[in-house]
PDB file of N, CA and C in Angstrom:
ATOM      1  N   MET A   1       0.819  -1.179   0.000  1.00  0.00           N
ATOM      2  CA  MET A   1       0.000   0.000   0.000  1.00  0.00           C
ATOM      3  C   MET A   1       0.872   1.257   0.000  1.00  0.00           C
ATOM      4  N   LYS A   2       1.907   1.274   0.825  1.00  0.00           N
ATOM      5  CA  LYS A   2       2.804   2.426   0.871  1.00  0.00           C
ATOM      6  C   LYS A   2       3.489   2.636  -0.469  1.00  0.00           C
ATOM      7  N   SER A   3       3.822   1.548  -1.151  1.00  0.00           N
ATOM      8  CA  SER A   3       4.496   1.637  -2.435  1.00  0.00           C
ATOM      9  C   SER A   3       3.629   2.372  -3.456  1.00  0.00           C
ATOM     10  N   SER A   4       2.345   2.072  -3.492  1.00  0.00           N
ATOM     11  CA  SER A   4       1.430   2.740  -4.411  1.00  0.00           C
ATOM     12  C   SER A   4       1.341   4.222  -4.103  1.00  0.00           C
ATOM     13  N   SER A   5       1.294   4.561  -2.826  1.00  0.00           N
ATOM     14  CA  SER A   5       1.226   5.964  -2.427  1.00  0.00           C
ATOM     15  C   SER A   5       2.488   6.694  -2.835  1.00  0.00           C
ATOM     16  N   LEU A   6       3.623   6.052  -2.663  1.00  0.00           N
ATOM     17  CA  LEU A   6       4.891   6.661  -3.036  1.00  0.00           C
ATOM     18  C   LEU A   6       4.943   6.931  -4.531  1.00  0.00           C
ATOM     19  N   VAL A   7       4.485   5.995  -5.343  1.00  0.00           N
ATOM     20  CA  VAL A   7       4.469   6.171  -6.793  1.00  0.00           C
ATOM     21  C   VAL A   7       3.576   7.345  -7.162  1.00  0.00           C
ATOM     22  N   ALA A   8       2.401   7.453  -6.540  1.00  0.00           N
ATOM     23  CA  ALA A   8       1.489   8.557  -6.823  1.00  0.00           C
ATOM     24  C   ALA A   8       2.128   9.901  -6.479  1.00  0.00           C
ATOM     25  N   VAL A   9       2.840   9.956  -5.358  1.00  0.00           N
ATOM     26  CA  VAL A   9       3.504  11.188  -4.949  1.00  0.00           C
ATOM     27  C   VAL A   9       4.592  11.566  -5.951  1.00  0.00           C
ATOM     28  N   VAL A  10       5.373  10.604  -6.400  1.00  0.00           N
ATOM     29  CA  VAL A  10       6.444  10.879  -7.367  1.00  0.00           C
ATOM     30  C   VAL A  10       5.854  11.447  -8.654  1.00  0.00           C
ATOM     31  N   PHE A  11       4.776  10.845  -9.162  1.00  0.00           N
ATOM     32  CA  PHE A  11       4.151  11.349 -10.380  1.00  0.00           C
ATOM     33  C   PHE A  11       3.561  12.736 -10.176  1.00  0.00           C
ATOM     34  N   ALA A  12       2.963  12.974  -9.022  1.00  0.00           N
ATOM     35  CA  ALA A  12       2.394  14.292  -8.741  1.00  0.00           C
ATOM     36  C   ALA A  12       3.489  15.355  -8.720  1.00  0.00           C
ATOM     37  N   LEU A  13       4.612  15.045  -8.093  1.00  0.00           N
ATOM     38  CA  LEU A  13       5.714  15.998  -8.043  1.00  0.00           C
ATOM     39  C   LEU A  13       6.293  16.249  -9.427  1.00  0.00           C
ATOM     40  N   ALA A  14       6.415  15.196 -10.229  1.00  0.00           N
ATOM     41  CA  ALA A  14       6.923  15.362 -11.591  1.00  0.00           C
ATOM     42  C   ALA A  14       5.986  16.243 -12.394  1.00  0.00           C
ATOM     43  N   THR A  15       4.691  16.057 -12.231  1.00  0.00           N
ATOM     44  CA  THR A  15       3.718  16.876 -12.945  1.00  0.00           C
ATOM     45  C   THR A  15       3.826  18.328 -12.519  1.00  0.00           C
ATOM     46  N   LEU A  16       3.969  18.570 -11.222  1.00  0.00           N
ATOM     47  CA  LEU A  16       4.121  19.943 -10.745  1.00  0.00           C
ATOM     48  C   LEU A  16       5.381  20.584 -11.305  1.00  0.00           C
ATOM     49  N   GLU A  17       6.466  19.840 -11.336  1.00  0.00           N
ATOM     50  CA  GLU A  17       7.718  20.374 -11.873  1.00  0.00           C
ATOM     51  C   GLU A  17       7.561  20.761 -13.338  1.00  0.00           C
ATOM     52  N   PHE A  18       6.965  19.892 -14.137  1.00  0.00           N
ATOM     53  CA  PHE A  18       6.773  20.185 -15.553  1.00  0.00           C
ATOM     54  C   PHE A  18       5.825  21.363 -15.744  1.00  0.00           C
ATOM     55  N   GLY A  19       4.811  21.458 -14.921  1.00  0.00           N
ATOM     56  CA  GLY A  19       3.794  22.484 -15.089  1.00  0.00           C
ATOM     57  C   GLY A  19       4.222  23.863 -14.625  1.00  0.00           C
ATOM     58  N   THR A  20       5.112  23.965 -13.627  1.00  0.00           N
ATOM     59  CA  THR A  20       5.455  25.267 -13.079  1.00  0.00           C
ATOM     60  C   THR A  20       6.737  25.848 -13.653  1.00  0.00           C
ATOM     61  N   HIS A  21       7.534  25.048 -14.269  1.00  0.00           N
ATOM     62  CA  HIS A  21       8.788  25.524 -14.854  1.00  0.00           C
ATOM     63  C   HIS A  21       8.755  25.327 -16.358  1.00  0.00           C
ATOM     64  N   ASN A  22       9.667  25.936 -17.033  1.00  0.00           N
ATOM     65  CA  ASN A  22       9.882  25.711 -18.454  1.00  0.00           C
ATOM     66  C   ASN A  22       8.752  26.207 -19.359  1.00  0.00           C
ATOM     67  N   SER A  23       7.914  27.128 -18.906  1.00  0.00           N
ATOM     68  CA  SER A  23       6.860  27.656 -19.763  1.00  0.00           C
ATOM     69  C   SER A  23       7.471  28.544 -20.831  1.00  0.00           C
ATOM     70  N   GLN A  24       6.932  28.447 -22.037  1.00  0.00           N
ATOM     71  CA  GLN A  24       7.416  29.262 -23.147  1.00  0.00           C
ATOM     72  C   GLN A  24       6.227  29.971 -23.774  1.00  0.00           C
ATOM     73  N   GLY A  25       6.096  31.268 -23.524  1.00  0.00           N
ATOM     74  CA  GLY A  25       5.018  32.026 -24.136  1.00  0.00           C
ATOM     75  C   GLY A  25       3.666  31.686 -23.547  1.00  0.00           C
ATOM     76  N   THR A  26       2.615  32.038 -24.279  1.00  0.00           N
ATOM     77  CA  THR A  26       1.260  31.836 -23.790  1.00  0.00           C
ATOM     78  C   THR A  26       0.628  30.551 -24.296  1.00  0.00           C
ATOM     79  N   SER A  27       1.301  29.818 -25.178  1.00  0.00           N
ATOM     80  CA  SER A  27       0.713  28.611 -25.748  1.00  0.00           C
ATOM     81  C   SER A  27       0.668  27.462 -24.752  1.00  0.00           C
ATOM     82  N   GLY A  28       1.452  27.528 -23.685  1.00  0.00           N
ATOM     83  CA  GLY A  28       1.489  26.450 -22.713  1.00  0.00           C
ATOM     84  C   GLY A  28       2.519  25.386 -23.050  1.00  0.00           C
ATOM     85  N   ALA A  29       3.116  25.448 -24.233  1.00  0.00           N
ATOM     86  CA  ALA A  29       4.128  24.465 -24.623  1.00  0.00           C
ATOM     87  C   ALA A  29       5.380  24.654 -23.772  1.00  0.00           C
ATOM     88  N   THR A  30       6.059  23.546 -23.473  1.00  0.00           N
ATOM     89  CA  THR A  30       7.293  23.613 -22.701  1.00  0.00           C
ATOM     90  C   THR A  30       8.416  22.916 -23.458  1.00  0.00           C
ATOM     91  N   ALA A  31       9.606  23.097 -22.963  1.00  0.00           N
ATOM     92  CA  ALA A  31      10.780  22.464 -23.575  1.00  0.00           C
ATOM     93  C   ALA A  31      10.733  20.951 -23.433  1.00  0.00           C
ATOM     94  N   PHE A  32       9.909  20.450 -22.512  1.00  0.00           N
ATOM     95  CA  PHE A  32       9.833  19.014 -22.273  1.00  0.00           C
ATOM     96  C   PHE A  32       8.725  18.332 -23.074  1.00  0.00           C
ATOM     97  N   ASP A  33       7.922  19.080 -23.814  1.00  0.00           N
ATOM     98  CA  ASP A  33       6.834  18.472 -24.589  1.00  0.00           C
ATOM     99  C   ASP A  33       7.371  17.422 -25.543  1.00  0.00           C
ATOM    100  N   GLY A  34       6.666  16.304 -25.638  1.00  0.00           N
ATOM    101  CA  GLY A  34       7.060  15.225 -26.540  1.00  0.00           C
ATOM    102  C   GLY A  34       6.881  13.868 -25.877  1.00  0.00           C
ATOM    103  N   ASN A  35       7.398  12.849 -26.517  1.00  0.00           N
ATOM    104  CA  ASN A  35       7.321  11.475 -26.011  1.00  0.00           C
ATOM    105  C   ASN A  35       8.564  11.153 -25.197  1.00  0.00           C
ATOM    106  N   TRP A  36       8.369  10.415 -24.110  1.00  0.00           N
ATOM    107  CA  TRP A  36       9.448  10.077 -23.202  1.00  0.00           C
ATOM    108  C   TRP A  36       9.431   8.590 -22.889  1.00  0.00           C
ATOM    109  N   SER A  37      10.603   8.041 -22.641  1.00  0.00           N
ATOM    110  CA  SER A  37      10.746   6.680 -22.139  1.00  0.00           C
ATOM    111  C   SER A  37      11.040   6.808 -20.647  1.00  0.00           C
ATOM    112  N   VAL A  38      10.193   6.195 -19.818  1.00  0.00           N
ATOM    113  CA  VAL A  38      10.269   6.377 -18.366  1.00  0.00           C
ATOM    114  C   VAL A  38      10.704   5.079 -17.694  1.00  0.00           C
ATOM    115  N   THR A  39      11.588   5.196 -16.716  1.00  0.00           N
ATOM    116  CA  THR A  39      11.951   4.070 -15.855  1.00  0.00           C
ATOM    117  C   THR A  39      11.586   4.455 -14.431  1.00  0.00           C
ATOM    118  N   LEU A  40      10.674   3.704 -13.843  1.00  0.00           N
ATOM    119  CA  LEU A  40      10.252   3.916 -12.465  1.00  0.00           C
ATOM    120  C   LEU A  40      10.973   2.879 -11.617  1.00  0.00           C
ATOM    121  N   ASP A  41      11.873   3.334 -10.761  1.00  0.00           N
ATOM    122  CA  ASP A  41      12.707   2.453  -9.943  1.00  0.00           C
ATOM    123  C   ASP A  41      12.356   2.670  -8.478  1.00  0.00           C
ATOM    124  N   ALA A  42      11.485   1.809  -7.935  1.00  0.00           N
ATOM    125  CA  ALA A  42      11.050   1.926  -6.540  1.00  0.00           C
ATOM    126  C   ALA A  42      11.899   0.998  -5.672  1.00  0.00           C
ATOM    127  N   LYS A  43      12.512   1.561  -4.685  1.00  0.00           N
ATOM    128  CA  LYS A  43      13.375   0.799  -3.776  1.00  0.00           C
ATOM    129  C   LYS A  43      12.547   0.095  -2.709  1.00  0.00           C
ATOM    130  N   GLU A  44      13.135  -0.920  -2.094  1.00  0.00           N
ATOM    131  CA  GLU A  44      12.474  -1.623  -0.997  1.00  0.00           C
ATOM    132  C   GLU A  44      12.219  -0.652   0.147  1.00  0.00           C
ATOM    133  N   TYR A  45      11.042  -0.782   0.764  1.00  0.00           N
ATOM    134  CA  TYR A  45      10.683   0.089   1.884  1.00  0.00           C
ATOM    135  C   TYR A  45      10.229  -0.763   3.057  1.00  0.00           C
ATOM    136  N   ARG A  46      10.855  -0.531   4.218  1.00  0.00           N
ATOM    137  CA  ARG A  46      10.476  -1.248   5.439  1.00  0.00           C
ATOM    138  C   ARG A  46       9.577  -0.343   6.272  1.00  0.00           C
ATOM    139  N   ASN A  47       8.349  -0.794   6.479  1.00  0.00           N
ATOM    140  CA  ASN A  47       7.402  -0.046   7.293  1.00  0.00           C
ATOM    141  C   ASN A  47       7.750  -0.163   8.763  1.00  0.00           C
ATOM    142  N   PRO A  48       7.323   0.806   9.584  1.00  0.00           N
ATOM    143  CA  PRO A  48       7.600   0.746  11.024  1.00  0.00           C
ATOM    144  C   PRO A  48       7.034  -0.507  11.697  1.00  0.00           C
ATOM    145  N   ASN A  49       5.968  -1.092  11.134  1.00  0.00           N
ATOM    146  CA  ASN A  49       5.376  -2.291  11.734  1.00  0.00           C
ATOM    147  C   ASN A  49       6.104  -3.568  11.314  1.00  0.00           C
ATOM    148  N   GLY A  50       7.162  -3.448  10.518  1.00  0.00           N
ATOM    149  CA  GLY A  50       7.967  -4.598  10.127  1.00  0.00           C
ATOM    150  C   GLY A  50       7.639  -5.163   8.753  1.00  0.00           C
ATOM    151  N   SER A  51       6.508  -4.785   8.171  1.00  0.00           N
ATOM    152  CA  SER A  51       6.179  -5.269   6.830  1.00  0.00           C
ATOM    153  C   SER A  51       7.079  -4.575   5.798  1.00  0.00           C
ATOM    154  N   VAL A  52       7.203  -5.199   4.630  1.00  0.00           N
ATOM    155  CA  VAL A  52       8.122  -4.699   3.618  1.00  0.00           C
ATOM    156  C   VAL A  52       7.408  -4.569   2.278  1.00  0.00           C
ATOM    157  N   ALA A  53       7.586  -3.408   1.636  1.00  0.00           N
ATOM    158  CA  ALA A  53       7.151  -3.231   0.255  1.00  0.00           C
ATOM    159  C   ALA A  53       8.372  -3.542  -0.613  1.00  0.00           C
ATOM    160  N   LEU A  54       8.270  -4.540  -1.459  1.00  0.00           N
ATOM    161  CA  LEU A  54       9.413  -4.981  -2.248  1.00  0.00           C
ATOM    162  C   LEU A  54       9.775  -3.984  -3.345  1.00  0.00           C
ATOM    163  N   ALA A  55      11.030  -3.984  -3.710  1.00  0.00           N
ATOM    164  CA  ALA A  55      11.516  -3.122  -4.793  1.00  0.00           C
ATOM    165  C   ALA A  55      10.992  -3.628  -6.139  1.00  0.00           C
ATOM    166  N   PHE A  56      10.826  -2.703  -7.075  1.00  0.00           N
ATOM    167  CA  PHE A  56      10.442  -3.091  -8.426  1.00  0.00           C
ATOM    168  C   PHE A  56      10.880  -2.021  -9.417  1.00  0.00           C
ATOM    169  N   ILE A  57      10.950  -2.405 -10.673  1.00  0.00           N
ATOM    170  CA  ILE A  57      11.270  -1.479 -11.761  1.00  0.00           C
ATOM    171  C   ILE A  57      10.211  -1.644 -12.835  1.00  0.00           C
ATOM    172  N   ARG A  58       9.675  -0.536 -13.327  1.00  0.00           N
ATOM    173  CA  ARG A  58       8.709  -0.551 -14.430  1.00  0.00           C
ATOM    174  C   ARG A  58       9.210   0.400 -15.509  1.00  0.00           C
ATOM    175  N   ARG A  59       9.099  -0.030 -16.738  1.00  0.00           N
ATOM    176  CA  ARG A  59       9.464   0.821 -17.877  1.00  0.00           C
ATOM    177  C   ARG A  59       8.217   1.025 -18.730  1.00  0.00           C
ATOM    178  N   PHE A  60       7.981   2.270 -19.141  1.00  0.00           N
ATOM    179  CA  PHE A  60       6.815   2.588 -19.948  1.00  0.00           C
ATOM    180  C   PHE A  60       7.045   3.904 -20.681  1.00  0.00           C
ATOM    181  N   THR A  61       6.173   4.192 -21.633  1.00  0.00           N
ATOM    182  CA  THR A  61       6.281   5.451 -22.357  1.00  0.00           C
ATOM    183  C   THR A  61       5.331   6.461 -21.741  1.00  0.00           C
ATOM    184  N   ALA A  62       5.662   7.725 -21.899  1.00  0.00           N
ATOM    185  CA  ALA A  62       4.840   8.813 -21.386  1.00  0.00           C
ATOM    186  C   ALA A  62       4.896   9.968 -22.368  1.00  0.00           C
ATOM    187  N   THR A  63       3.964  10.876 -22.211  1.00  0.00           N
ATOM    188  CA  THR A  63       3.888  12.052 -23.069  1.00  0.00           C
ATOM    189  C   THR A  63       3.832  13.295 -22.194  1.00  0.00           C
ATOM    190  N   VAL A  64       4.522  14.330 -22.627  1.00  0.00           N
ATOM    191  CA  VAL A  64       4.399  15.636 -21.992  1.00  0.00           C
ATOM    192  C   VAL A  64       3.784  16.558 -23.035  1.00  0.00           C
ATOM    193  N   LYS A  65       2.647  17.165 -22.691  1.00  0.00           N
ATOM    194  CA  LYS A  65       1.973  18.092 -23.593  1.00  0.00           C
ATOM    195  C   LYS A  65       1.567  19.320 -22.784  1.00  0.00           C
ATOM    196  N   ASN A  66       2.022  20.472 -23.232  1.00  0.00           N
ATOM    197  CA  ASN A  66       1.766  21.726 -22.521  1.00  0.00           C
ATOM    198  C   ASN A  66       2.212  21.645 -21.066  1.00  0.00           C
ATOM    199  N   GLY A  67       3.313  20.937 -20.838  1.00  0.00           N
ATOM    200  CA  GLY A  67       3.883  20.844 -19.503  1.00  0.00           C
ATOM    201  C   GLY A  67       3.216  19.829 -18.588  1.00  0.00           C
ATOM    202  N   VAL A  68       2.254  19.045 -19.115  1.00  0.00           N
ATOM    203  CA  VAL A  68       1.560  18.047 -18.308  1.00  0.00           C
ATOM    204  C   VAL A  68       2.089  16.664 -18.652  1.00  0.00           C
ATOM    205  N   PHE A  69       2.583  15.955 -17.647  1.00  0.00           N
ATOM    206  CA  PHE A  69       3.147  14.623 -17.804  1.00  0.00           C
ATOM    207  C   PHE A  69       2.034  13.593 -17.692  1.00  0.00           C
ATOM    208  N   HIS A  70       1.954  12.676 -18.684  1.00  0.00           N
ATOM    209  CA  HIS A  70       0.954  11.608 -18.634  1.00  0.00           C
ATOM    210  C   HIS A  70       1.587  10.306 -19.101  1.00  0.00           C
ATOM    211  N   GLY A  71       1.539   9.297 -18.240  1.00  0.00           N
ATOM    212  CA  GLY A  71       2.050   7.981 -18.589  1.00  0.00           C
ATOM    213  C   GLY A  71       1.243   6.919 -17.871  1.00  0.00           C
ATOM    214  N   GLU A  72       1.054   5.778 -18.503  1.00  0.00           N
ATOM    215  CA  GLU A  72       0.309   4.681 -17.898  1.00  0.00           C
ATOM    216  C   GLU A  72       1.062   3.385 -18.115  1.00  0.00           C
ATOM    217  N   ILE A  73       0.924   2.490 -17.135  1.00  0.00           N
ATOM    218  CA  ILE A  73       1.516   1.161 -17.235  1.00  0.00           C
ATOM    219  C   ILE A  73       0.384   0.190 -17.517  1.00  0.00           C
ATOM    220  N   GLY A  74       0.543  -0.654 -18.536  1.00  0.00           N
ATOM    221  CA  GLY A  74      -0.487  -1.627 -18.857  1.00  0.00           C
ATOM    222  C   GLY A  74      -1.590  -1.024 -19.706  1.00  0.00           C
ATOM    223  N   THR A  75      -2.730  -1.699 -19.703  1.00  0.00           N
ATOM    224  CA  THR A  75      -3.880  -1.267 -20.464  1.00  0.00           C
ATOM    225  C   THR A  75      -4.943  -0.736 -19.519  1.00  0.00           C
ATOM    226  N   ARG A  76      -5.449   0.453 -19.813  1.00  0.00           N
ATOM    227  CA  ARG A  76      -6.461   1.080 -18.957  1.00  0.00           C
ATOM    228  C   ARG A  76      -7.660   0.165 -18.780  1.00  0.00           C
ATOM    229  N   GLY A  77      -8.090  -0.027 -17.536  1.00  0.00           N
ATOM    230  CA  GLY A  77      -9.238  -0.844 -17.232  1.00  0.00           C
ATOM    231  C   GLY A  77      -8.946  -2.335 -17.062  1.00  0.00           C
ATOM    232  N   LYS A  78      -7.697  -2.727 -17.264  1.00  0.00           N
ATOM    233  CA  LYS A  78      -7.324  -4.139 -17.112  1.00  0.00           C
ATOM    234  C   LYS A  78      -6.289  -4.261 -15.984  1.00  0.00           C
ATOM    235  N   PRO A  79      -6.445  -5.255 -15.106  1.00  0.00           N
ATOM    236  CA  PRO A  79      -5.485  -5.414 -14.005  1.00  0.00           C
ATOM    237  C   PRO A  79      -4.101  -5.839 -14.513  1.00  0.00           C
ATOM    238  N   GLN A  80      -3.103  -5.531 -13.751  1.00  0.00           N
ATOM    239  CA  GLN A  80      -1.733  -5.904 -14.099  1.00  0.00           C
ATOM    240  C   GLN A  80      -1.463  -7.336 -13.763  1.00  0.00           C
TER     241      GLN A  80
END
């Protein structure tokens, strides 16, 4: 559960970074707009109660458009 929350926080921070920096003019386009290859490398996390979220690596493509980062793993609506 903690691992999922951590991933959500990382994506939220990345989106904020893309959205608040690198603006060019009024069109909303940024220097980062385009297709990206993403590697998500989550390290093992030991919870205070002794349980462990195992490490994992996921690779996927993402798009940045007008400074907004969007990437998905798998097929929308289907479990992994």
